[in-house]
Amino acid sequence: MKNTKTMILGAFAGSLMTTQAAVVSWGAVGSGIQSTDLIETGSPYAAINGGADPASSFTIGTNAFTGGGFVAGAPGGVSNTAGTFYAPVTDNSNLDILMDSHTYITGANPNGVGVVAFPVTVGNAYDVQFIGVGDSRGCCSTRAQNVNDGNGNISGDLIRGTGDWVVGNFVADTELQQFFVAGGNDPGLSGLIVRDLGPAIPEPGSALLSLVGLLGLTARRRR
């Protein structure tokens, strides 16, 4: 587990990547995040507190968060910050820390794009939860960001002032999965959770076709 997290943080800090990644199926955007909204399916893989809060490492449920961030695409740089940004109090003090700290794209907006990338096991299924920037201040509460899998599948908008989050699911077909975070004004993230669901189970139709093919091969061999 420790090695996996180190690799993920290293990928965040690397250069902009263009590897084609798996297609992601997005769920509906949730609002007013609470600790019970954090995904806990499968096995813990990574949990990133995407800001600069000194208390960056903590555990919520089965998710052990560490400090992290993401790399910017041109134009725009990356910054992270901590403070009193998200006024609503959640049901968990550590989640409050996460929502008051975030990484964001600076300068030359709205064209800056953040890149999140992490190593995966080909053939395994994953759930990934993006927690949008928490910021209920008057300047920023209506700003939005979304997440794109690089294949044209875009999540719904994550609005800053309402504590929004979204979950995607994918089956890894390359060893590096990447996402692009964009928005109308300094897009960013307060947090990220990745859960490993293990080897993907073939759909019934695919499994049946494989079985039919195997039976046909067996019959030919018997002849």
Protein backbone atom coordinates (compact mmCIF):
# COMPACT_ATOMS: atom_id res chain seq x y z
CA MET A 1 0.00 0.00 0.00
CA LYS A 2 2.78 2.45 0.89
CA ASN A 3 4.52 1.90 -2.45
CA THR A 4 1.29 2.45 -4.32
CA LYS A 5 0.70 5.81 -2.65
CA THR A 6 4.26 6.91 -3.35
CA MET A 7 3.82 6.10 -7.03
CA ILE A 8 0.57 8.03 -7.17
CA LEU A 9 2.09 11.16 -5.66
CA GLY A 10 5.02 10.83 -8.03
CA ALA A 11 2.66 10.67 -10.99
CA PHE A 12 0.90 13.84 -9.76
CA ALA A 13 4.20 15.66 -9.71
CA GLY A 14 5.35 14.55 -13.15
CA SER A 15 4.94 16.18 -16.54
CA LEU A 16 1.74 16.37 -18.57
CA MET A 17 0.83 12.91 -19.88
CA THR A 18 -1.02 11.94 -23.02
CA THR A 19 -1.46 8.19 -22.50
CA GLN A 20 -4.92 7.04 -23.57
CA ALA A 21 -6.76 5.72 -20.52
CA ALA A 22 -9.83 3.57 -19.90
CA VAL A 23 -13.37 4.81 -20.49
CA VAL A 24 -15.02 6.01 -17.27
CA SER A 25 -18.72 5.73 -16.38
CA TRP A 26 -19.74 8.67 -14.21
CA GLY A 27 -22.44 8.66 -11.57
CA ALA A 28 -24.62 11.60 -10.62
CA VAL A 29 -23.05 14.54 -8.82
CA GLY A 30 -23.72 14.58 -5.07
CA SER A 31 -23.89 17.69 -2.89
CA GLY A 32 -23.45 18.58 0.78
CA ILE A 33 -20.73 15.99 1.31
CA GLN A 34 -20.67 13.99 4.56
CA SER A 35 -18.35 11.21 5.71
CA THR A 36 -20.98 8.63 4.77
CA ASP A 37 -20.70 9.79 1.14
CA LEU A 38 -17.05 8.71 0.87
CA ILE A 39 -16.72 5.50 -1.13
CA GLU A 40 -15.55 2.37 0.67
CA THR A 41 -16.18 -0.32 -1.93
CA GLY A 42 -13.43 -2.85 -2.64
CA SER A 43 -9.96 -2.35 -1.17
CA PRO A 44 -8.34 0.98 -0.23
CA TYR A 45 -5.94 2.06 -2.98
CA ALA A 46 -5.33 5.76 -2.39
CA ALA A 47 -6.89 8.78 -0.72
CA ILE A 48 -5.48 12.24 -1.35
CA ASN A 49 -6.13 15.43 0.59
CA GLY A 50 -5.57 17.82 -2.30
CA GLY A 51 -4.43 20.89 -0.41
CA ALA A 52 -1.81 22.51 1.76
CA ASP A 53 -3.32 22.04 5.20
CA PRO A 54 -0.59 21.11 7.74
CA ALA A 55 -2.88 18.36 9.07
CA SER A 56 -2.90 16.70 5.67
CA SER A 57 -2.74 13.06 6.82
CA PHE A 58 -5.77 11.54 8.52
CA THR A 59 -8.22 8.66 8.25
CA ILE A 60 -11.94 8.78 7.52
CA GLY A 61 -13.56 5.34 7.65
CA THR A 62 -11.29 2.99 5.69
CA ASN A 63 -9.70 5.79 3.66
CA ALA A 64 -6.27 6.94 4.88
CA PHE A 65 -5.66 10.38 3.36
CA THR A 66 -2.24 11.82 2.57
CA GLY A 67 -1.31 15.23 1.14
CA GLY A 68 -1.16 15.57 -2.63
CA GLY A 69 -2.05 17.63 -5.67
CA PHE A 70 -1.95 17.53 -9.46
CA VAL A 71 0.07 18.88 -12.35
CA ALA A 72 -1.20 21.69 -14.59
CA GLY A 73 -1.53 21.67 -18.32
CA ALA A 74 -0.54 24.83 -20.20
CA PRO A 75 -1.48 27.54 -19.60
CA GLY A 76 -1.71 27.93 -15.85
CA GLY A 77 0.30 26.89 -12.83
CA VAL A 78 -0.65 24.88 -9.75
CA SER A 79 -1.10 26.17 -6.25
CA ASN A 80 -2.60 24.78 -3.07
CA THR A 81 -4.00 26.53 -0.07
CA ALA A 82 -5.60 26.05 3.32
CA GLY A 83 -7.87 28.34 5.31
CA THR A 84 -11.53 28.98 6.03
CA PHE A 85 -13.08 28.41 2.64
CA TYR A 86 -15.97 26.01 3.15
CA ALA A 87 -18.43 27.29 5.78
CA PRO A 88 -20.75 24.29 6.23
CA VAL A 89 -19.64 21.90 8.96
CA THR A 90 -19.72 18.22 8.01
CA ASP A 91 -20.25 15.26 10.33
CA ASN A 92 -16.49 14.61 10.56
CA SER A 93 -13.72 16.98 11.72
CA ASN A 94 -11.18 15.44 9.31
CA LEU A 95 -13.55 15.93 6.40
CA ASP A 96 -13.84 19.57 7.48
CA ILE A 97 -10.04 19.84 7.16
CA LEU A 98 -10.19 18.32 3.67
CA MET A 99 -12.93 20.69 2.52
CA ASP A 100 -10.97 23.74 3.75
CA SER A 101 -7.91 22.83 1.70
CA HIS A 102 -7.53 22.42 -2.04
CA THR A 103 -5.27 22.41 -5.09
CA TYR A 104 -6.21 24.67 -7.99
CA ILE A 105 -5.00 25.91 -11.37
CA THR A 106 -3.72 29.49 -11.36
CA GLY A 107 -3.24 32.08 -14.11
CA ALA A 108 -4.56 32.27 -17.68
CA ASN A 109 -7.89 30.73 -16.77
CA PRO A 110 -10.29 29.40 -17.96
CA ASN A 111 -7.88 27.45 -20.15
CA GLY A 112 -5.84 25.78 -17.40
CA VAL A 113 -6.35 22.03 -17.05
CA GLY A 114 -5.25 19.87 -14.13
CA VAL A 115 -4.02 16.33 -14.73
CA VAL A 116 -4.47 13.52 -12.21
CA ALA A 117 -2.74 10.22 -13.02
CA PHE A 118 -2.06 7.04 -11.09
CA PRO A 119 -0.79 3.51 -11.86
CA VAL A 120 -3.36 0.72 -12.08
CA THR A 121 -3.51 -3.03 -12.69
CA VAL A 122 -4.75 -3.87 -16.17
CA GLY A 123 -8.00 -5.86 -15.97
CA ASN A 124 -8.97 -4.61 -12.52
CA ALA A 125 -12.04 -2.47 -11.90
CA TYR A 126 -11.78 0.75 -9.90
CA ASP A 127 -14.07 3.29 -8.30
CA VAL A 128 -12.67 6.82 -8.13
CA GLN A 129 -14.26 9.72 -6.24
CA PHE A 130 -13.43 13.33 -7.01
CA ILE A 131 -14.27 15.87 -4.32
CA GLY A 132 -14.50 19.32 -5.84
CA VAL A 133 -13.03 22.47 -4.31
CA GLY A 134 -14.95 23.47 -1.20
CA ASP A 135 -15.33 27.26 -1.17
CA SER A 136 -18.53 28.96 -0.03
CA ARG A 137 -17.15 32.51 -0.05
CA GLY A 138 -19.08 35.09 -2.04
CA CYS A 139 -16.34 35.37 -4.64
CA CYS A 140 -16.20 31.75 -5.50
CA SER A 141 -19.21 29.71 -4.40
CA THR A 142 -20.71 29.40 -7.89
CA ARG A 143 -17.48 28.40 -9.65
CA ALA A 144 -17.52 24.92 -11.13
CA GLN A 145 -15.12 22.24 -12.26
CA ASN A 146 -15.61 18.92 -14.00
CA VAL A 147 -13.54 15.83 -14.68
CA ASN A 148 -12.85 14.28 -18.11
CA ASP A 149 -11.44 10.81 -18.73
CA GLY A 150 -9.72 11.95 -21.94
CA ASN A 151 -12.16 9.95 -24.06
CA GLY A 152 -14.88 12.60 -24.12
CA ASN A 153 -16.74 11.36 -21.03
CA ILE A 154 -17.20 14.34 -18.73
CA SER A 155 -18.61 14.35 -15.23
CA GLY A 156 -21.31 16.72 -14.11
CA ASP A 157 -20.24 20.10 -12.72
CA LEU A 158 -18.85 20.17 -9.18
CA ILE A 159 -19.98 23.48 -7.64
CA ARG A 160 -17.69 24.91 -4.98
CA GLY A 161 -20.20 26.29 -2.53
CA THR A 162 -22.30 23.15 -2.21
CA GLY A 163 -19.64 20.57 -1.36
CA ASP A 164 -20.02 18.52 -4.54
CA TRP A 165 -18.49 15.16 -5.42
CA VAL A 166 -18.76 12.55 -8.17
CA VAL A 167 -17.83 8.87 -8.53
CA GLY A 168 -16.55 7.20 -11.69
CA ASN A 169 -16.00 3.54 -12.45
CA PHE A 170 -13.61 2.01 -14.97
CA VAL A 171 -11.81 -1.19 -15.90
CA ALA A 172 -8.12 -0.50 -16.41
CA ASP A 173 -6.82 -1.24 -19.92
CA THR A 174 -3.45 0.51 -19.52
CA GLU A 175 -1.02 0.71 -16.61
CA LEU A 176 -1.63 4.42 -16.06
CA GLN A 177 -5.07 5.96 -15.64
CA GLN A 178 -5.37 9.70 -16.07
CA PHE A 179 -8.06 12.34 -15.64
CA PHE A 180 -8.32 16.01 -16.63
CA VAL A 181 -9.82 18.62 -14.29
CA ALA A 182 -11.16 21.74 -15.97
CA GLY A 183 -13.60 24.56 -15.31
CA GLY A 184 -14.54 28.15 -15.92
CA ASN A 185 -12.24 29.65 -13.29
CA ASP A 186 -9.22 28.13 -11.47
CA PRO A 187 -10.53 24.54 -11.42
CA GLY A 188 -9.29 22.24 -8.70
CA LEU A 189 -9.97 19.51 -6.15
CA SER A 190 -10.24 19.20 -2.40
CA GLY A 191 -9.86 15.44 -2.41
CA LEU A 192 -9.60 12.18 -4.33
CA ILE A 193 -10.31 8.56 -3.34
CA VAL A 194 -9.42 5.48 -5.39
CA ARG A 195 -10.72 2.00 -4.51
CA ASP A 196 -9.59 -1.25 -6.15
CA LEU A 197 -12.49 -3.60 -6.88
CA GLY A 198 -10.26 -6.43 -8.12
CA PRO A 199 -10.43 -8.32 -11.44
CA ALA A 200 -13.40 -7.28 -13.52
CA ILE A 201 -16.13 -9.89 -13.95
CA PRO A 202 -17.09 -10.38 -17.64
CA GLU A 203 -20.61 -9.35 -18.59
CA PRO A 204 -23.00 -12.33 -18.92
CA GLY A 205 -23.10 -12.02 -22.71
CA SER A 206 -19.31 -12.02 -23.00
CA ALA A 207 -18.99 -14.94 -20.62
CA LEU A 208 -21.57 -16.91 -22.59
CA LEU A 209 -19.78 -16.26 -25.88
CA SER A 210 -16.52 -17.41 -24.33
CA LEU A 211 -18.20 -20.58 -23.06
CA VAL A 212 -19.75 -21.30 -26.47
CA GLY A 213 -16.36 -20.83 -28.12
CA LEU A 214 -14.74 -23.18 -25.63
CA LEU A 215 -17.42 -25.84 -26.14
CA GLY A 216 -16.99 -25.57 -29.91
CA LEU A 217 -13.25 -26.01 -29.60
CA THR A 218 -13.74 -29.04 -27.35
CA ALA A 219 -16.17 -30.61 -29.85
CA ARG A 220 -13.72 -30.17 -32.74
CA ARG A 221 -10.94 -31.74 -30.73
CA ARG A 222 -13.10 -34.80 -30.01
CA ARG A 223 -13.60 -35.35 -33.71
